[in-house]
Amino acid sequence: MTAPTPEPAAPEHDLVVTERRGAIALITMNRPRYRNAQNAAMTFALDAAFGAAAADDGVGVIVLRGAGDHFSAGHDIGTPGRDIHKDFGRVATQYWPHEDKAGAEAMFVREAELYLGMCRRWRELPKPTIAMVQGACIAGGLMLAWACDLIVASDDAVFADPVLRMGIPGVEYFAHPFVMNPRLAKEFLFLGDKLPAARAAEIGMINRVVSRARLEDEVVAIATRIAAMPRFALALAKKAINQAEDRMGLRDTMDAAYALHHLAHAHNALTSPDHLAGQDAKSMKDGMK
């Protein structure tokens, strides 16, 4: 297996690398220097990779992973590749371009497409998806993992949504009270601390925990077994469970929480240096235990 090319040498089209292994498509976020922080370029590259795998009859299961020591440190809020003001078109929504818009309109439209819209789109992929998580899975990284059907983590993985420090009630793909019970979701958000993989498995947020050395082999073994199942039956089973979650209120909860999320952004813009309340990647990292 050829290791993904690290930044900064990698050109933009290598922000995401896809490898075929039999009936498994392994999609790798490839910004290891920045802990796979997700800028818009990477997000659209991920969508293209997911779409190609979904359309390929030879692919039975899609695995999402991150190059380097970490799955993803979340949305890009400060790397040299941050492209918050650049418009990449529309895939997940029918909103208009945000590049030439101002204020809350620009932020609401951008995040509806790139964050909430994209994760919902990937959740509905008709093929099973597995998040292979090592190291940090923070905020926007959580959204990627939660949008997958299964999550398998290494024993050194940690999960956190620390955005309350920004004055924001939670990430845009607000699945918290569904992937854990509501009381634990409150603790998770109120403290913003790191949740170890063992605890995440204990509360049912992830499926399995293995050593980092065994992580890839475990995920490939699971994916291989799933890929041997009838393709259409897998799609129907996934659809049935997703529909059940939506009827339990997942989609409506996300819509309501997204509105509150953007109320927080607008409040920050009026009362602090920026829509993130002056927080940056370092201050967010320093605040977590």
Protein backbone atom coordinates (compact mmCIF):
# COMPACT_ATOMS: atom_id res chain seq x y z
CA MET A 1 0.00 0.00 0.00
CA THR A 2 1.33 3.44 -0.97
CA ALA A 3 1.20 5.98 1.86
CA PRO A 4 -0.77 9.18 1.07
CA THR A 5 1.41 12.15 0.19
CA PRO A 6 1.68 14.60 3.11
CA GLU A 7 1.06 18.33 2.89
CA PRO A 8 2.29 20.83 1.87
CA ALA A 9 3.72 19.02 -1.17
CA ALA A 10 0.38 17.47 -2.12
CA PRO A 11 -1.57 19.41 -4.75
CA GLU A 12 -5.21 20.22 -4.12
CA HIS A 13 -6.53 17.15 -5.92
CA ASP A 14 -4.65 14.94 -3.45
CA LEU A 15 -6.49 16.25 -0.40
CA VAL A 16 -8.47 13.00 -0.59
CA VAL A 17 -6.98 9.70 -1.73
CA THR A 18 -9.02 6.62 -2.70
CA GLU A 19 -7.68 3.08 -2.66
CA ARG A 20 -9.53 -0.03 -3.83
CA ARG A 21 -9.02 -3.22 -1.88
CA GLY A 22 -11.26 -5.85 -3.41
CA ALA A 23 -14.85 -4.75 -2.84
CA ILE A 24 -13.77 -2.08 -0.36
CA ALA A 25 -13.12 1.58 -1.20
CA LEU A 26 -10.84 3.20 1.36
CA ILE A 27 -11.26 6.98 1.23
CA THR A 28 -8.49 8.86 3.03
CA MET A 29 -8.53 12.48 4.16
CA ASN A 30 -5.01 13.58 3.30
CA ARG A 31 -4.07 16.68 5.28
CA PRO A 32 -2.02 15.00 8.02
CA ARG A 33 0.07 18.10 8.68
CA TYR A 34 -3.12 19.86 9.82
CA ARG A 35 -4.68 16.80 11.49
CA ASN A 36 -7.02 16.48 8.51
CA ALA A 37 -8.79 19.75 9.21
CA GLN A 38 -11.65 20.03 6.72
CA ASN A 39 -11.60 22.97 4.35
CA ALA A 40 -14.10 23.33 1.52
CA ALA A 41 -11.70 21.88 -1.04
CA MET A 42 -11.36 18.71 1.01
CA THR A 43 -15.11 18.53 1.62
CA PHE A 44 -15.94 18.64 -2.08
CA ALA A 45 -13.14 16.14 -2.80
CA LEU A 46 -14.69 13.83 -0.19
CA ASP A 47 -18.07 14.16 -1.86
CA ALA A 48 -16.59 13.28 -5.23
CA ALA A 49 -14.88 10.22 -3.75
CA PHE A 50 -18.04 9.06 -1.99
CA GLY A 51 -20.05 9.55 -5.16
CA ALA A 52 -17.59 7.59 -7.27
CA ALA A 53 -17.57 4.72 -4.78
CA ALA A 54 -21.37 4.66 -4.59
CA ALA A 55 -21.61 4.50 -8.39
CA ASP A 56 -19.02 1.73 -8.76
CA ASP A 57 -20.69 -1.69 -8.88
CA GLY A 58 -17.44 -3.25 -7.75
CA VAL A 59 -17.54 -1.42 -4.40
CA GLY A 60 -19.57 -3.02 -1.63
CA VAL A 61 -18.41 -1.01 1.39
CA ILE A 62 -16.88 2.43 1.82
CA VAL A 63 -14.32 3.11 4.57
CA LEU A 64 -13.50 6.68 5.64
CA ARG A 65 -10.18 7.30 7.37
CA GLY A 66 -7.62 10.01 8.04
CA ALA A 67 -3.95 10.01 7.09
CA GLY A 68 -1.39 10.38 9.87
CA ASP A 69 -1.94 10.32 13.61
CA HIS A 70 -5.48 11.68 13.67
CA PHE A 71 -8.83 11.06 12.01
CA SER A 72 -9.83 14.75 11.90
CA ALA A 73 -9.40 17.76 14.15
CA GLY A 74 -12.59 19.25 12.69
CA HIS A 75 -13.42 22.14 10.42
CA ASP A 76 -10.52 24.26 9.20
CA ILE A 77 -10.48 27.40 11.34
CA GLY A 78 -6.91 28.50 10.80
CA THR A 79 -4.64 26.60 8.39
CA PRO A 80 -3.04 28.23 5.34
CA GLY A 81 -5.56 26.30 3.22
CA ARG A 82 -8.61 27.76 4.89
CA ASP A 83 -11.06 28.76 2.13
CA ILE A 84 -14.08 30.01 4.06
CA HIS A 85 -14.87 32.78 1.55
CA LYS A 86 -14.52 30.63 -1.57
CA ASP A 87 -17.60 29.16 -3.22
CA PHE A 88 -17.32 25.66 -4.70
CA GLY A 89 -20.82 25.37 -6.10
CA ARG A 90 -23.77 23.35 -4.83
CA VAL A 91 -24.08 19.62 -4.36
CA ALA A 92 -26.07 19.04 -1.17
CA THR A 93 -28.49 22.00 -1.26
CA GLN A 94 -30.14 24.39 -3.67
CA TYR A 95 -28.93 27.52 -1.90
CA TRP A 96 -27.37 30.32 -3.91
CA PRO A 97 -23.61 31.05 -3.83
CA HIS A 98 -22.33 32.62 -0.62
CA GLU A 99 -19.10 34.19 -1.93
CA ASP A 100 -20.68 37.56 -2.69
CA LYS A 101 -23.07 37.60 0.27
CA ALA A 102 -22.63 39.29 3.65
CA GLY A 103 -23.41 38.71 7.30
CA ALA A 104 -25.55 35.84 8.56
CA GLU A 105 -26.74 35.03 5.04
CA ALA A 106 -23.26 34.09 3.86
CA MET A 107 -22.51 31.92 6.89
CA PHE A 108 -25.93 30.22 6.97
CA VAL A 109 -25.81 29.32 3.27
CA ARG A 110 -22.20 28.13 3.37
CA GLU A 111 -22.66 25.84 6.35
CA ALA A 112 -26.00 24.52 5.09
CA GLU A 113 -24.13 23.23 2.07
CA LEU A 114 -20.70 22.27 3.38
CA TYR A 115 -21.50 21.01 6.85
CA LEU A 116 -25.08 19.95 7.54
CA GLY A 117 -25.99 19.31 3.90
CA MET A 118 -22.90 17.29 3.05
CA CYS A 119 -23.11 15.07 6.12
CA ARG A 120 -26.79 14.38 5.49
CA ARG A 121 -25.96 13.55 1.87
CA TRP A 122 -23.25 11.10 2.93
CA ARG A 123 -25.49 9.52 5.57
CA GLU A 124 -27.88 8.62 2.73
CA LEU A 125 -25.28 6.88 0.57
CA PRO A 126 -26.87 3.56 -0.45
CA LYS A 127 -23.78 1.56 0.50
CA PRO A 128 -22.55 0.77 4.01
CA THR A 129 -19.93 3.18 5.34
CA ILE A 130 -17.41 2.65 8.13
CA ALA A 131 -15.45 5.37 9.91
CA MET A 132 -11.97 4.15 10.88
CA VAL A 133 -10.98 6.51 13.68
CA GLN A 134 -7.59 7.00 15.30
CA GLY A 135 -6.32 9.87 17.44
CA ALA A 136 -8.46 13.00 17.50
CA CYS A 137 -12.03 13.04 16.22
CA ILE A 138 -13.10 16.56 17.12
CA ALA A 139 -16.18 18.68 16.24
CA GLY A 140 -16.35 18.52 12.43
CA GLY A 141 -14.54 15.18 12.64
CA LEU A 142 -17.41 13.90 14.79
CA MET A 143 -19.83 14.88 12.04
CA LEU A 144 -17.97 12.76 9.51
CA ALA A 145 -17.84 9.76 11.82
CA TRP A 146 -21.48 10.11 12.90
CA ALA A 147 -22.62 10.23 9.27
CA CYS A 148 -21.12 6.77 8.76
CA ASP A 149 -23.01 3.58 9.55
CA LEU A 150 -20.35 1.99 11.74
CA ILE A 151 -17.49 3.50 13.74
CA VAL A 152 -14.43 1.43 14.65
CA ALA A 153 -11.80 3.23 16.71
CA SER A 154 -8.30 2.63 17.98
CA ASP A 155 -7.85 2.54 21.73
CA ASP A 156 -6.07 5.91 21.64
CA ALA A 157 -8.95 7.67 19.83
CA VAL A 158 -10.76 10.54 21.52
CA PHE A 159 -14.02 12.27 20.62
CA ALA A 160 -15.07 15.82 21.52
CA ASP A 161 -17.39 18.65 20.57
CA PRO A 162 -15.84 21.69 22.31
CA VAL A 163 -17.66 24.40 20.32
CA LEU A 164 -19.58 25.63 23.37
CA ARG A 165 -16.38 27.61 24.07
CA MET A 166 -17.24 29.55 20.92
CA GLY A 167 -20.69 30.32 22.29
CA ILE A 168 -22.18 27.73 19.90
CA PRO A 169 -24.56 24.99 21.13
CA GLY A 170 -22.97 22.15 19.12
CA VAL A 171 -21.76 21.22 15.66
CA GLU A 172 -24.10 21.59 12.68
CA TYR A 173 -24.83 17.87 12.30
CA PHE A 174 -26.49 17.78 15.71
CA ALA A 175 -26.81 14.05 16.39
CA HIS A 176 -25.71 14.23 20.02
CA PRO A 177 -28.93 13.06 21.77
CA PHE A 178 -29.23 10.19 19.26
CA VAL A 179 -25.68 8.78 19.35
CA MET A 180 -25.72 8.99 23.17
CA ASN A 181 -28.49 9.50 25.68
CA PRO A 182 -29.64 13.10 26.34
CA ARG A 183 -28.04 13.38 29.79
CA LEU A 184 -24.67 12.25 28.47
CA ALA A 185 -25.09 14.57 25.49
CA LYS A 186 -25.46 17.49 27.90
CA GLU A 187 -22.31 16.48 29.77
CA PHE A 188 -20.45 16.03 26.48
CA LEU A 189 -21.40 19.55 25.34
CA PHE A 190 -21.33 21.40 28.68
CA LEU A 191 -17.77 20.25 29.49
CA GLY A 192 -16.42 19.92 25.95
CA ASP A 193 -13.88 17.36 27.16
CA LYS A 194 -12.42 14.44 25.26
CA LEU A 195 -14.39 11.21 25.40
CA PRO A 196 -12.02 8.20 25.29
CA ALA A 197 -12.76 5.45 22.81
CA ALA A 198 -13.47 2.91 25.56
CA ARG A 199 -16.13 5.17 27.08
CA ALA A 200 -17.58 5.95 23.63
CA ALA A 201 -18.02 2.21 23.04
CA GLU A 202 -19.49 1.73 26.51
CA ILE A 203 -22.29 4.23 25.82
CA GLY A 204 -22.93 2.85 22.34
CA MET A 205 -21.60 5.80 20.34
CA ILE A 206 -19.11 3.61 18.47
CA ASN A 207 -19.12 -0.06 17.54
CA ARG A 208 -15.69 -1.43 18.43
CA VAL A 209 -12.34 -0.47 19.95
CA VAL A 210 -9.09 -2.18 18.96
CA SER A 211 -5.40 -1.38 19.21
CA ARG A 212 -4.06 1.07 16.67
CA ALA A 213 -1.85 -1.68 15.26
CA ARG A 214 -4.96 -3.79 14.55
CA LEU A 215 -7.29 -1.00 13.46
CA GLU A 216 -6.96 -1.30 9.70
CA ASP A 217 -7.05 -5.11 9.71
CA GLU A 218 -10.18 -5.09 11.89
CA VAL A 219 -11.98 -2.59 9.69
CA VAL A 220 -11.04 -4.41 6.49
CA ALA A 221 -12.23 -7.72 7.98
CA ILE A 222 -15.59 -6.21 8.95
CA ALA A 223 -15.95 -4.48 5.58
CA THR A 224 -15.10 -7.69 3.72
CA ARG A 225 -17.85 -9.60 5.54
CA ILE A 226 -20.40 -6.85 4.90
CA ALA A 227 -19.43 -6.58 1.22
CA ALA A 228 -20.32 -10.26 0.77
CA MET A 229 -23.94 -9.53 1.65
CA PRO A 230 -26.55 -8.80 -1.07
CA ARG A 231 -26.06 -5.19 -2.20
CA PHE A 232 -29.72 -4.23 -2.48
CA ALA A 233 -30.58 -5.82 0.87
CA LEU A 234 -27.84 -3.78 2.54
CA ALA A 235 -29.20 -0.59 0.96
CA LEU A 236 -32.73 -1.40 2.11
CA ALA A 237 -31.64 -2.25 5.66
CA LYS A 238 -29.67 0.98 5.89
CA LYS A 239 -32.63 2.96 4.56
CA ALA A 240 -35.00 1.35 7.05
CA ILE A 241 -32.81 2.24 10.02
CA ASN A 242 -32.18 5.79 8.78
CA GLN A 243 -35.93 6.26 8.33
CA ALA A 244 -36.52 5.02 11.88
CA GLU A 245 -34.02 7.56 13.23
CA ASP A 246 -35.68 10.34 11.25
CA ARG A 247 -39.11 9.38 12.57
CA MET A 248 -37.68 9.47 16.08
CA GLY A 249 -36.83 13.09 15.38
CA LEU A 250 -33.23 13.13 14.15
CA ARG A 251 -33.83 15.30 11.09
CA ASP A 252 -36.13 17.74 12.88
CA THR A 253 -33.66 17.99 15.77
CA MET A 254 -30.87 18.88 13.36
CA ASP A 255 -32.98 21.53 11.64
CA ALA A 256 -33.86 23.17 14.96
CA ALA A 257 -30.31 22.97 16.29
CA TYR A 258 -28.94 24.40 13.03
CA ALA A 259 -31.08 27.51 13.52
CA LEU A 260 -29.75 27.91 17.07
CA HIS A 261 -26.21 27.35 15.81
CA HIS A 262 -26.59 30.32 13.48
CA LEU A 263 -28.22 32.47 16.10
CA ALA A 264 -25.00 31.88 18.06
CA HIS A 265 -22.83 32.82 15.07
CA ALA A 266 -24.82 36.04 14.58
CA HIS A 267 -24.60 36.87 18.29
CA ASN A 268 -20.84 36.32 18.21
CA ALA A 269 -20.47 38.58 15.19
CA LEU A 270 -22.27 41.37 17.08
CA THR A 271 -20.57 40.95 20.45
CA SER A 272 -17.07 39.55 19.80
CA PRO A 273 -14.21 39.78 17.28
CA ASP A 274 -15.78 37.31 14.84
CA HIS A 275 -18.44 34.62 14.40
CA LEU A 276 -16.25 32.18 16.38
CA ALA A 277 -16.05 34.48 19.42
CA GLY A 278 -12.35 35.03 18.83
CA GLN A 279 -11.47 31.36 19.31
CA ASP A 280 -8.88 29.63 17.17
CA ALA A 281 -7.51 26.11 16.83
CA LYS A 282 -4.98 26.59 19.64
CA SER A 283 -7.43 28.05 22.15
CA MET A 284 -9.92 25.30 21.43
CA LYS A 285 -7.30 22.59 21.87
CA ASP A 286 -5.94 24.18 25.05
CA GLY A 287 -9.42 24.24 26.60
CA MET A 288 -10.03 20.49 26.34
CA LYS A 289 -9.21 17.95 29.02
